[in-house]
Structures are given as C-alpha cells and as structure tokens.
Amino acid sequence: MTTYHYELPTTGAFYFASVCEDQSASYITEIAETTEARANVRAALKQNKRTDVGEKDYLKLVKVLDDYLPQLCGILGCVKQGEIGLKSEPIFSWRTTLSSSLFHNSPRLSLPALSTELAFTLLTYAFSLCNLSHTVVHSLGEYERDRAISDTDRKAKDERLGFAVTLLCKAAGVFEFTAKECLAEWDRDARAMALADAQTLAIRKLLSRAVFDSTLTPGPPLPKSHPSPVLIAKLHLECAALYSSARSLAKTPGDSRPSAPKPHLKFALGKDKERDDAGDEVAPELCRYLSEEAAFHGALARKWMGVDAGENGGTDKGGIAVGFLAWAKKELEELKSGGGVMGSDREKEMRERRRDRVVEELGSVSVFLKGYRRINDTVSFQPVPPQSDLQASIPAGRAAVAVKAYNRPTPAFGPGSVEHTRRQAEDLELLPQAERDVTRFPVDAASPTSGGSYAGAGSYF
C-alpha cells in the first residue's frame, strides 16, 4: 500500500531586515537569524526540486522547517505586540504545486502578510511530513510477504510502518491547524487525505502477521493470526469515505461571497486573481488519486465482507460471500482496466504501484471467490443476493487512526518565548514585596474589601 507523494513548492528570497523596523535595537540578531533560517528552507526546497525521487532527503527538510517556524512565530509575536514595526507590507513569493494550470507548470505567486508566510510554511511542513512517511514505507518493501524474514525483523519493520502512520497523523494535525488558525476559507481536504493514507498504512500493519502466515496458502481458510474480516472491512470503508470526502472538497469551488478575501488560499496552495476567472482548479493527478483510492478501498471492503460471510456465516451465508466477492472482483477489474493520461513521473510511479496492488488483490479475491463458490455450489446451495441487498447490509466505517493535534510553535524570541517569560519572572522577583502583590493581585478601588471602604474602617475595639 502506498501514499500520496506531494510535489513540494519553492519560494523566493526574502530579507526580514528590509521590512522590519527595530527602533529599540533589541532584535537585530534575531531578525538576521530568521532571515538565515528562511534562506535554509529556500535552499532545501530548491535542492529537493533538483534531486531525483529516490534521493530526496525529506528528514532534512522537516528539520530546517522545524528550525524556521519558531523564528517566524517570534517575528509575528513581536509585530503583534508592537516591539517590531513594519516599514512596508512584506511580500512573499511561493510557487503553487497542487493547482492545475494551462501549461501544467507551477506559477509563482506574490502574497502579502506575515500570516500568509506562516500558512505556506505550515503547508510545506505538512507536505514534507507526508513525503517522509512515503519514503519510509517505500524503504520497507513488501516485507510481510518475505518467507525468509525473522519474526524479530518483521516486528521491527512493523514499528517503522507505525512511525510512518504517526508522521501522517501529525501532518493531518498541521493541515487542521492551518485550516483553523491561518486560512479560514481553506478547505480541509488535505487533512482527510492524510488521515486516509495513515489508515491505509495502519491496515497494512494490522495484517502484517496474517499476510506472512498466508503467503504459502492463500485463500480460505484464514490463518488463526488473521484479524476479524469484518473489522478489516470497516477500516477500508472508513478509508473510502475519507478519500471520497477529500475528493469532494477538492472539487468544491471557492467561496464566492462578496466578503470572501481574494486570492483564495485553497488546498491548491492558492490561486491568484488573474487566473481566478480562468477556471483554475486542483490538479487532475490529485483528483485521480483520490477517486481511484476511494474505489480501491471500497472494493477491498466488499472483499472482506464476503470473506467474513464465508468464514463466519456458516452455510446460510454462502450466497452472500459469493455476492460480495463477485462485486469486489468486478470493481477491481474496472480499476485494472482504467487508464487515462498520466501527467508527471511522480504520478506515473504512484499509478504503477496502485496497479500492482490492484492485480495482487484481484488474484486474492479470485482465490476466495473460487473457494466459497465451490462450497456454495456443493454444500450450501444459497441464492446469491442482488447488489442492492448487499449494499443495504454494509456497515459504517471505523477509524483506526486520529489526528495528532498540532500546536503553534513557541516563538524563538519576543513575547511568548521562553526567554521573554523568564525575564518577566525575574523582573517580578526584583520588585519589592508590596509592588509584587499589587502586580499579581491589583486592588479594586470599588471593592468592599479595599482600604477604607468597609463599615467601621479605622475603628478598633
């Protein structure tokens, strides 16, 4: 099972000293360090763009973004509190990567405001986490089908797969944070897609031991190590629902209300005003990925519903087992025969991997269908229900993963930073006790407990 591999954006050079005005000269070094941290991000993104797919270092990119975000939040905090002024509106340059365009290139956008820079940096951070997860999964190979692998090595690779799931859940949290805190009009399709990819890997991890045990004897009966088939079906149903939701959100037009800000910063990393009326939309390769993944997981859900009926339903559900598996086989054959124009090399690689998975699952479904059909034709003699009856019996999906909440980074300097808080605490400790009490617990002149305001004040008995 694979995950989506994002094309990362690039950004133009920017010097914070050219727009930041530090009249107190308290943050000269910090402003320079923020510019340096952003330059490192820019260099890493450009290097990533020029490097072959198998040699891209996403861990390094995640680290440089981790270094830059607290610096950027420091600038934002200082500007908000008035400790740093702005000589002019900062303009940041970013290339879009997920919006389609006439010539299938990545147009450069000039976007104002520090908050926009934070939004684009966070999105790039989330994309990098997803790609790092993709790299981890790719490095594992089909280890669960390796008959020579030891139990210790298999468990170690299961842990690596779990790490890839964690990266995707963290990315989903970053997408969610960006949608809530930075871009109020931004659709949350990226969050749904990251969760769906994470759930896909979680299913693979859950089935790892069972797949290993079934390598030599595929098909019925299931090995004792196999999880509940209906649970696997529900997990795939949730995947299909998440991919479908992301697909629907990706195709939803931007808010057209007069009060809606332009340009819209959507999942496509933005659309500029000049191209807004030209029907610019999310890149077709992303829409194809979401559609095909939704269909694939829907077919797998029906496969496991059929297996559950065949394994646990007794002779009474022999027809249901055949019906679900025949339905799954039909859908997988349609996915296998589906083609269409492939865009980038990255999309070609992803679709080739999906095709391999479809062929593999088609073989598995055929084995199960053959086994249960033989039993139904010779023992059970149950009618095969129509597809409408089978559809009515499909349960709701079940989530195996959750969003890993992302919190705004602590500023590296200025208000909200560790050093700023420490200095405030030290200043408070240097105050005389009386002044500290007033600072901590200000006296309300209107309070009935304030000096001279209570009945009999100054009278002692």
Protein backbone atom coordinates (compact mmCIF):
# COMPACT_ATOMS: atom_id res chain seq x y z
CA MET A 1 0.00 0.00 0.00
CA THR A 2 1.30 3.42 -0.94
CA THR A 3 0.54 7.02 -0.01
CA TYR A 4 0.34 10.25 -1.97
CA HIS A 5 3.68 11.80 -2.91
CA TYR A 6 3.45 15.60 -2.98
CA GLU A 7 5.34 17.91 -5.27
CA LEU A 8 6.79 20.49 -2.90
CA PRO A 9 6.65 24.23 -3.59
CA THR A 10 9.62 26.55 -3.83
CA THR A 11 9.94 30.10 -2.56
CA GLY A 12 11.79 33.26 -3.47
CA ALA A 13 14.40 35.04 -1.34
CA PHE A 14 13.23 37.38 1.41
CA TYR A 15 15.11 39.61 3.87
CA PHE A 16 13.23 40.44 7.06
CA ALA A 17 15.55 43.38 7.78
CA SER A 18 14.18 45.11 4.67
CA VAL A 19 10.67 45.36 6.17
CA CYS A 20 11.21 45.03 9.94
CA GLU A 21 11.90 48.18 11.95
CA ASP A 22 13.51 47.55 15.33
CA GLN A 23 13.74 51.02 16.89
CA SER A 24 14.98 49.67 20.24
CA ALA A 25 17.69 47.59 18.52
CA SER A 26 16.66 44.66 20.74
CA TYR A 27 16.08 42.16 17.95
CA ILE A 28 18.76 42.87 15.35
CA THR A 29 20.39 39.46 15.79
CA GLU A 30 17.04 37.64 15.90
CA ILE A 31 15.85 39.28 12.67
CA ALA A 32 19.06 38.25 10.93
CA GLU A 33 18.73 34.68 12.26
CA THR A 34 15.15 34.49 10.97
CA THR A 35 16.34 35.53 7.51
CA GLU A 36 19.06 32.89 7.68
CA ALA A 37 16.56 30.20 8.76
CA ARG A 38 14.26 31.08 5.85
CA ALA A 39 17.20 31.01 3.45
CA ASN A 40 17.93 27.48 4.65
CA VAL A 41 14.33 26.49 3.91
CA ARG A 42 14.55 28.02 0.43
CA ALA A 43 17.83 26.22 -0.29
CA ALA A 44 16.45 22.89 0.93
CA LEU A 45 13.34 23.24 -1.23
CA LYS A 46 15.39 24.09 -4.31
CA GLN A 47 17.71 21.15 -3.66
CA ASN A 48 14.68 18.90 -3.25
CA LYS A 49 13.35 20.08 -6.60
CA ARG A 50 16.58 19.20 -8.39
CA THR A 51 17.14 15.83 -6.72
CA ASP A 52 15.92 12.52 -8.14
CA VAL A 53 12.89 10.97 -6.44
CA GLY A 54 14.79 8.17 -4.71
CA GLU A 55 17.46 10.52 -3.32
CA LYS A 56 15.31 13.29 -1.80
CA ASP A 57 16.08 13.99 1.87
CA TYR A 58 12.73 14.84 3.46
CA LEU A 59 14.05 14.41 7.00
CA LYS A 60 16.49 17.28 6.43
CA LEU A 61 13.68 19.39 5.04
CA VAL A 62 11.46 18.69 8.05
CA LYS A 63 14.32 19.73 10.34
CA VAL A 64 15.00 23.07 8.60
CA LEU A 65 11.27 23.85 8.67
CA ASP A 66 11.23 22.94 12.37
CA ASP A 67 14.02 25.49 12.86
CA TYR A 68 12.34 28.25 10.84
CA LEU A 69 8.81 28.08 12.27
CA PRO A 70 9.73 29.27 15.83
CA GLN A 71 11.76 32.13 14.32
CA LEU A 72 8.83 33.18 12.13
CA CYS A 73 6.47 32.99 15.11
CA GLY A 74 8.88 35.22 17.00
CA ILE A 75 8.64 37.88 14.29
CA LEU A 76 4.84 37.55 14.25
CA GLY A 77 4.63 37.94 18.04
CA CYS A 78 6.91 40.98 18.11
CA VAL A 79 4.96 42.70 15.32
CA LYS A 80 1.66 41.95 17.06
CA GLN A 81 2.89 43.38 20.37
CA GLY A 82 4.48 46.42 18.72
CA GLU A 83 8.03 45.51 19.65
CA ILE A 84 8.96 45.37 15.97
CA GLY A 85 7.40 47.68 13.39
CA LEU A 86 6.93 47.19 9.66
CA LYS A 87 8.38 49.69 7.20
CA SER A 88 6.14 48.27 4.48
CA GLU A 89 3.87 45.29 3.79
CA PRO A 90 6.04 42.18 3.41
CA ILE A 91 5.56 40.34 0.09
CA PHE A 92 6.50 36.66 -0.05
CA SER A 93 6.91 34.65 -3.23
CA TRP A 94 5.78 31.00 -3.44
CA ARG A 95 5.14 28.58 -6.28
CA THR A 96 1.89 26.62 -6.27
CA THR A 97 2.16 22.87 -6.73
CA LEU A 98 -1.33 21.37 -6.49
CA SER A 99 -3.37 23.67 -8.71
CA SER A 100 -3.74 22.86 -12.37
CA SER A 101 -2.68 25.41 -14.95
CA LEU A 102 -2.80 25.73 -18.71
CA PHE A 103 0.80 24.65 -19.23
CA HIS A 104 0.99 22.25 -16.23
CA ASN A 105 3.72 24.28 -14.61
CA SER A 106 3.99 25.79 -11.14
CA PRO A 107 3.18 29.51 -11.31
CA ARG A 108 4.78 31.85 -8.81
CA LEU A 109 2.50 33.89 -6.58
CA SER A 110 3.37 37.09 -4.71
CA LEU A 111 1.47 37.04 -1.43
CA PRO A 112 1.34 39.75 1.26
CA ALA A 113 1.34 39.50 5.07
CA LEU A 114 3.35 37.55 7.61
CA SER A 115 0.31 35.35 8.31
CA THR A 116 0.37 34.16 4.69
CA GLU A 117 4.04 33.23 5.05
CA LEU A 118 3.14 31.19 8.15
CA ALA A 119 0.33 29.43 6.28
CA PHE A 120 2.52 28.46 3.31
CA THR A 121 5.35 27.33 5.59
CA LEU A 122 2.98 25.14 7.60
CA LEU A 123 1.53 23.61 4.44
CA THR A 124 5.04 22.87 3.16
CA TYR A 125 5.85 21.34 6.55
CA ALA A 126 2.79 19.06 6.34
CA PHE A 127 3.59 18.05 2.74
CA SER A 128 7.15 17.21 3.82
CA LEU A 129 5.88 15.02 6.68
CA CYS A 130 3.65 13.13 4.21
CA ASN A 131 6.55 12.64 1.81
CA LEU A 132 8.82 11.47 4.64
CA SER A 133 6.16 8.88 5.51
CA HIS A 134 6.04 7.85 1.84
CA THR A 135 9.82 7.39 1.84
CA VAL A 136 9.73 5.26 5.00
CA VAL A 137 7.05 2.99 3.52
CA HIS A 138 8.92 2.67 0.23
CA SER A 139 12.09 1.61 2.07
CA LEU A 140 10.26 -1.26 3.78
CA GLY A 141 9.25 -3.06 0.60
CA GLU A 142 6.79 -5.99 0.74
CA TYR A 143 8.43 -7.35 3.88
CA GLU A 144 5.34 -9.17 5.15
CA ARG A 145 5.45 -11.49 2.11
CA ASP A 146 9.10 -12.41 2.62
CA ARG A 147 9.12 -16.02 3.82
CA ALA A 148 12.74 -15.71 4.96
CA ILE A 149 12.15 -12.78 7.30
CA SER A 150 12.52 -13.46 11.02
CA ASP A 151 9.81 -12.58 13.50
CA THR A 152 12.11 -10.00 15.09
CA ASP A 153 12.82 -8.27 11.78
CA ARG A 154 9.14 -8.31 10.84
CA LYS A 155 8.19 -6.66 14.14
CA ALA A 156 10.93 -4.07 13.67
CA LYS A 157 9.52 -3.20 10.26
CA ASP A 158 6.04 -3.08 11.75
CA GLU A 159 7.38 -0.41 14.09
CA ARG A 160 8.78 1.54 11.15
CA LEU A 161 5.39 1.29 9.49
CA GLY A 162 3.84 2.61 12.70
CA PHE A 163 6.26 5.56 12.54
CA ALA A 164 5.03 6.30 9.02
CA VAL A 165 1.45 6.29 10.34
CA THR A 166 2.45 8.75 13.09
CA LEU A 167 4.00 11.11 10.53
CA LEU A 168 0.77 11.16 8.53
CA CYS A 169 -1.35 11.75 11.66
CA LYS A 170 0.95 14.65 12.56
CA ALA A 171 0.61 16.03 9.03
CA ALA A 172 -3.18 15.83 9.38
CA GLY A 173 -2.88 17.87 12.58
CA VAL A 174 -0.81 20.52 10.80
CA PHE A 175 -3.37 20.70 7.98
CA GLU A 176 -6.16 21.05 10.54
CA PHE A 177 -4.28 23.76 12.46
CA THR A 178 -3.63 25.69 9.24
CA ALA A 179 -7.29 25.49 8.27
CA LYS A 180 -8.49 26.70 11.68
CA GLU A 181 -5.87 29.28 12.59
CA CYS A 182 -4.39 30.62 9.35
CA LEU A 183 -6.76 30.20 6.42
CA ALA A 184 -10.38 30.48 7.44
CA GLU A 185 -11.58 29.89 3.87
CA TRP A 186 -9.24 26.96 3.23
CA ASP A 187 -10.85 23.57 2.60
CA ARG A 188 -9.79 20.68 4.81
CA ASP A 189 -9.37 18.07 2.10
CA ALA A 190 -5.65 17.64 2.83
CA ARG A 191 -6.44 16.64 6.40
CA ALA A 192 -8.88 13.97 5.22
CA MET A 193 -6.39 12.65 2.68
CA ALA A 194 -3.56 12.43 5.21
CA LEU A 195 -5.83 10.54 7.61
CA ALA A 196 -6.91 8.18 4.82
CA ASP A 197 -3.28 7.47 3.90
CA ALA A 198 -2.48 6.89 7.58
CA GLN A 199 -5.42 4.49 7.94
CA THR A 200 -4.22 2.60 4.85
CA LEU A 201 -0.83 2.01 6.48
CA ALA A 202 -2.48 1.09 9.79
CA ILE A 203 -4.44 -1.65 7.99
CA ARG A 204 -1.23 -2.96 6.46
CA LYS A 205 0.41 -3.11 9.89
CA LEU A 206 -2.62 -4.89 11.36
CA LEU A 207 -2.49 -7.54 8.62
CA SER A 208 1.30 -7.97 8.67
CA ARG A 209 1.41 -11.26 10.60
CA ALA A 210 -1.61 -12.73 8.80
CA VAL A 211 -0.18 -11.91 5.38
CA PHE A 212 3.07 -13.60 6.36
CA ASP A 213 1.18 -16.70 7.53
CA SER A 214 -0.92 -16.80 4.33
CA THR A 215 1.95 -16.49 1.85
CA LEU A 216 2.19 -20.19 1.09
CA THR A 217 -1.53 -20.98 1.47
CA PRO A 218 -3.59 -18.00 0.25
CA GLY A 219 -7.38 -18.08 0.30
CA PRO A 220 -9.73 -19.86 2.70
CA PRO A 221 -9.50 -20.79 5.48
CA LEU A 222 -7.91 -17.77 7.13
CA PRO A 223 -4.93 -18.33 9.45
CA LYS A 224 -5.54 -18.05 13.19
CA SER A 225 -3.43 -14.88 13.29
CA HIS A 226 -5.85 -13.07 10.97
CA PRO A 227 -7.83 -10.15 12.46
CA SER A 228 -11.61 -10.11 12.20
CA PRO A 229 -12.54 -9.79 8.48
CA VAL A 230 -15.49 -7.52 9.27
CA LEU A 231 -13.13 -5.22 11.21
CA ILE A 232 -10.83 -5.01 8.18
CA ALA A 233 -13.89 -4.27 6.01
CA LYS A 234 -14.94 -1.41 8.31
CA LEU A 235 -11.42 0.04 8.26
CA HIS A 236 -11.41 0.02 4.45
CA LEU A 237 -14.87 1.62 4.41
CA GLU A 238 -13.50 4.47 6.53
CA CYS A 239 -10.60 4.88 4.08
CA ALA A 240 -13.03 5.05 1.17
CA ALA A 241 -15.14 7.64 2.99
CA LEU A 242 -12.11 9.82 3.79
CA TYR A 243 -10.80 9.72 0.22
CA SER A 244 -14.28 10.50 -1.12
CA SER A 245 -14.62 13.41 1.30
CA ALA A 246 -11.24 14.79 0.24
CA ARG A 247 -12.21 14.39 -3.41
CA SER A 248 -15.48 16.26 -2.87
CA LEU A 249 -13.74 19.09 -1.01
CA ALA A 250 -11.05 19.35 -3.67
CA LYS A 251 -13.71 19.83 -6.34
CA THR A 252 -15.73 22.36 -4.33
CA PRO A 253 -15.38 25.89 -5.77
CA GLY A 254 -14.01 28.63 -3.55
CA ASP A 255 -16.37 30.78 -1.51
CA SER A 256 -17.91 33.28 -3.90
CA ARG A 257 -19.38 35.61 -1.29
CA PRO A 258 -18.53 39.28 -1.83
CA SER A 259 -16.88 39.43 1.58
CA ALA A 260 -14.62 36.46 0.90
CA PRO A 261 -10.95 37.53 0.69
CA LYS A 262 -9.06 37.17 -2.58
CA PRO A 263 -6.94 35.45 -3.62
CA HIS A 264 -8.45 32.27 -2.15
CA LEU A 265 -5.83 30.17 -0.40
CA LYS A 266 -7.24 26.74 -1.10
CA PHE A 267 -5.77 23.26 -0.94
CA ALA A 268 -4.07 24.03 -4.24
CA LEU A 269 -1.78 26.43 -2.36
CA GLY A 270 -3.60 29.41 -3.72
CA LYS A 271 -4.93 30.96 -6.89
CA ASP A 272 -4.04 34.44 -7.97
CA LYS A 273 -6.61 36.98 -9.04
CA GLU A 274 -5.61 36.98 -12.69
CA ARG A 275 -6.22 33.26 -13.05
CA ASP A 276 -9.23 33.05 -10.72
CA ASP A 277 -11.71 33.58 -13.55
CA ALA A 278 -9.96 31.11 -15.82
CA GLY A 279 -11.38 28.08 -14.02
CA ASP A 280 -8.15 27.12 -12.25
CA GLU A 281 -8.71 24.06 -10.08
CA VAL A 282 -6.99 21.31 -8.14
CA ALA A 283 -4.50 19.35 -10.24
CA PRO A 284 -6.11 16.40 -12.10
CA GLU A 285 -3.47 13.96 -10.83
CA LEU A 286 -4.58 14.62 -7.25
CA CYS A 287 -8.26 14.18 -8.15
CA ARG A 288 -7.44 10.91 -9.92
CA TYR A 289 -5.51 9.69 -6.90
CA LEU A 290 -8.43 10.41 -4.56
CA SER A 291 -11.01 8.83 -6.87
CA GLU A 292 -9.00 5.67 -7.50
CA GLU A 293 -8.09 5.21 -3.84
CA ALA A 294 -11.74 5.59 -2.82
CA ALA A 295 -12.78 2.98 -5.39
CA PHE A 296 -9.94 0.63 -4.41
CA HIS A 297 -10.76 0.69 -0.70
CA GLY A 298 -14.46 0.29 -1.46
CA ALA A 299 -13.66 -2.88 -3.39
CA LEU A 300 -11.46 -4.18 -0.55
CA ALA A 301 -14.26 -3.51 1.94
CA ARG A 302 -16.58 -5.70 -0.14
CA LYS A 303 -13.89 -8.36 -0.39
CA TRP A 304 -13.62 -8.62 3.39
CA MET A 305 -17.39 -8.53 3.86
CA GLY A 306 -17.51 -11.56 1.59
CA VAL A 307 -14.68 -13.29 3.44
CA ASP A 308 -16.45 -12.65 6.76
CA ALA A 309 -19.64 -14.21 5.43
CA GLY A 310 -17.71 -17.20 4.11
CA GLU A 311 -15.62 -17.74 7.24
CA ASN A 312 -18.09 -16.90 9.99
CA GLY A 313 -21.56 -17.05 8.43
CA GLY A 314 -21.92 -20.81 8.09
CA THR A 315 -23.82 -22.41 5.25
CA ASP A 316 -26.63 -19.83 5.50
CA LYS A 317 -24.40 -17.03 4.16
CA GLY A 318 -22.69 -18.88 1.33
CA GLY A 319 -24.57 -16.84 -1.26
CA ILE A 320 -23.69 -13.56 0.49
CA ALA A 321 -19.99 -14.49 0.44
CA VAL A 322 -20.12 -15.19 -3.29
CA GLY A 323 -22.10 -12.00 -3.95
CA PHE A 324 -19.70 -9.67 -2.14
CA LEU A 325 -16.60 -11.27 -3.64
CA ALA A 326 -18.03 -11.18 -7.17
CA TRP A 327 -18.84 -7.49 -6.64
CA ALA A 328 -15.31 -6.80 -5.38
CA LYS A 329 -13.79 -8.67 -8.34
CA LYS A 330 -15.86 -6.63 -10.80
CA GLU A 331 -14.73 -3.33 -9.26
CA LEU A 332 -11.07 -4.36 -9.16
CA GLU A 333 -11.22 -5.40 -12.83
CA GLU A 334 -12.60 -1.96 -13.68
CA LEU A 335 -9.76 -0.30 -11.78
CA LYS A 336 -7.22 -2.52 -13.53
CA SER A 337 -8.54 -1.65 -16.99
CA GLY A 338 -8.82 2.06 -16.17
CA GLY A 339 -6.01 4.11 -17.61
CA GLY A 340 -6.05 7.66 -18.80
CA VAL A 341 -3.31 10.17 -19.41
CA MET A 342 -0.56 10.23 -16.82
CA GLY A 343 0.98 13.58 -16.01
CA SER A 344 4.28 13.69 -14.15
CA ASP A 345 6.77 10.91 -13.49
CA ARG A 346 5.66 11.09 -9.87
CA GLU A 347 2.07 10.31 -10.85
CA LYS A 348 3.24 7.54 -13.17
CA GLU A 349 5.12 5.90 -10.30
CA MET A 350 2.12 6.13 -7.95
CA ARG A 351 -0.31 4.71 -10.52
CA GLU A 352 2.02 1.84 -11.40
CA ARG A 353 2.23 0.91 -7.72
CA ARG A 354 -1.54 1.10 -7.39
CA ARG A 355 -1.94 -1.10 -10.46
CA ASP A 356 0.36 -3.69 -8.88
CA ARG A 357 -1.78 -3.60 -5.75
CA VAL A 358 -4.96 -3.98 -7.80
CA VAL A 359 -3.53 -7.00 -9.64
CA GLU A 360 -2.42 -8.54 -6.36
CA GLU A 361 -5.82 -8.02 -4.72
CA LEU A 362 -7.61 -9.27 -7.81
CA GLY A 363 -5.71 -12.53 -7.52
CA SER A 364 -6.58 -12.80 -3.82
CA VAL A 365 -10.29 -12.11 -4.43
CA SER A 366 -10.37 -14.71 -7.21
CA VAL A 367 -8.94 -17.36 -4.87
CA PHE A 368 -11.51 -16.62 -2.15
CA LEU A 369 -14.37 -16.44 -4.67
CA LYS A 370 -13.42 -19.77 -6.18
CA GLY A 371 -13.28 -21.43 -2.75
CA TYR A 372 -16.57 -20.07 -1.42
CA ARG A 373 -18.39 -20.58 -4.70
CA ARG A 374 -17.38 -24.24 -4.72
CA ILE A 375 -18.68 -24.65 -1.16
CA ASN A 376 -21.94 -22.85 -2.02
CA ASP A 377 -22.47 -24.94 -5.16
CA THR A 378 -21.83 -28.26 -3.41
CA VAL A 379 -22.88 -27.74 0.22
CA SER A 380 -24.80 -24.55 0.95
CA PHE A 381 -26.94 -24.08 -2.18
CA GLN A 382 -27.80 -20.49 -1.16
CA PRO A 383 -29.01 -17.92 -3.71
CA VAL A 384 -26.68 -15.01 -4.45
CA PRO A 385 -28.42 -11.78 -3.29
CA PRO A 386 -28.70 -8.85 -5.70
CA GLN A 387 -26.22 -6.00 -5.29
CA SER A 388 -28.89 -3.73 -3.80
CA ASP A 389 -29.46 -6.17 -0.92
CA LEU A 390 -25.73 -6.48 -0.33
CA GLN A 391 -25.37 -2.68 -0.31
CA ALA A 392 -28.02 -2.40 2.41
CA SER A 393 -26.04 -4.73 4.67
CA ILE A 394 -22.75 -2.78 4.51
CA PRO A 395 -21.91 -1.30 7.95
CA ALA A 396 -20.43 2.08 8.76
CA GLY A 397 -16.68 2.56 8.62
CA ARG A 398 -14.37 2.55 11.61
CA ALA A 399 -11.35 4.75 12.24
CA ALA A 400 -8.03 3.21 13.30
CA VAL A 401 -6.09 6.49 13.49
CA ALA A 402 -6.74 10.01 14.74
CA VAL A 403 -5.39 13.47 14.04
CA LYS A 404 -2.29 14.24 16.08
CA ALA A 405 -3.03 17.74 17.34
CA TYR A 406 -0.52 20.38 16.29
CA ASN A 407 0.15 23.39 18.47
CA ARG A 408 1.57 26.69 17.32
CA PRO A 409 5.37 26.62 17.81
CA THR A 410 6.73 28.51 20.79
CA PRO A 411 8.36 31.71 19.48
CA ALA A 412 12.15 31.60 19.45
CA PHE A 413 12.25 35.15 20.81
CA GLY A 414 9.98 38.01 21.82
CA PRO A 415 6.58 37.78 23.54
CA GLY A 416 5.65 34.20 24.33
CA SER A 417 9.20 32.86 24.06
CA VAL A 418 10.89 31.02 26.92
CA GLU A 419 13.49 33.76 27.37
CA HIS A 420 10.86 36.53 27.37
CA THR A 421 8.81 34.68 30.00
CA ARG A 422 11.92 34.10 32.13
CA ARG A 423 12.85 37.78 32.05
CA GLN A 424 9.34 38.75 33.07
CA ALA A 425 9.53 36.36 36.01
CA GLU A 426 12.94 37.74 37.06
CA ASP A 427 11.70 41.33 36.83
CA LEU A 428 8.76 40.40 39.01
CA GLU A 429 11.03 38.84 41.64
CA LEU A 430 13.14 42.04 41.80
CA LEU A 431 10.13 44.16 42.74
CA PRO A 432 9.53 44.95 46.43
CA GLN A 433 7.02 42.59 48.05
CA ALA A 434 4.28 45.21 48.17
CA GLU A 435 4.67 46.04 44.47
CA ARG A 436 4.68 42.33 43.59
CA ASP A 437 1.39 41.87 45.46
CA VAL A 438 -0.14 44.81 43.61
CA THR A 439 1.15 43.43 40.28
CA ARG A 440 -0.23 39.98 40.95
CA PHE A 441 -3.43 41.00 42.80
CA PRO A 442 -4.44 44.57 41.84
CA VAL A 443 -6.64 46.27 44.41
CA ASP A 444 -10.05 47.28 43.09
CA ALA A 445 -11.00 50.69 44.45
CA ALA A 446 -14.66 49.76 44.28
CA SER A 447 -14.16 46.52 46.16
CA PRO A 448 -15.79 46.34 49.58
CA THR A 449 -12.53 44.87 50.91
CA SER A 450 -10.30 47.72 49.73
CA GLY A 451 -8.82 50.01 52.34
CA GLY A 452 -11.27 52.46 53.98
CA SER A 453 -14.29 51.17 52.18
CA TYR A 454 -15.76 48.83 54.79
CA ALA A 455 -18.07 49.71 57.69
CA GLY A 456 -16.14 50.81 60.76
CA ALA A 457 -12.90 51.32 58.87
CA GLY A 458 -10.28 52.79 61.22
CA SER A 459 -12.24 51.91 64.33
CA TYR A 460 -10.67 49.36 66.62
CA PHE A 461 -12.24 47.88 69.70
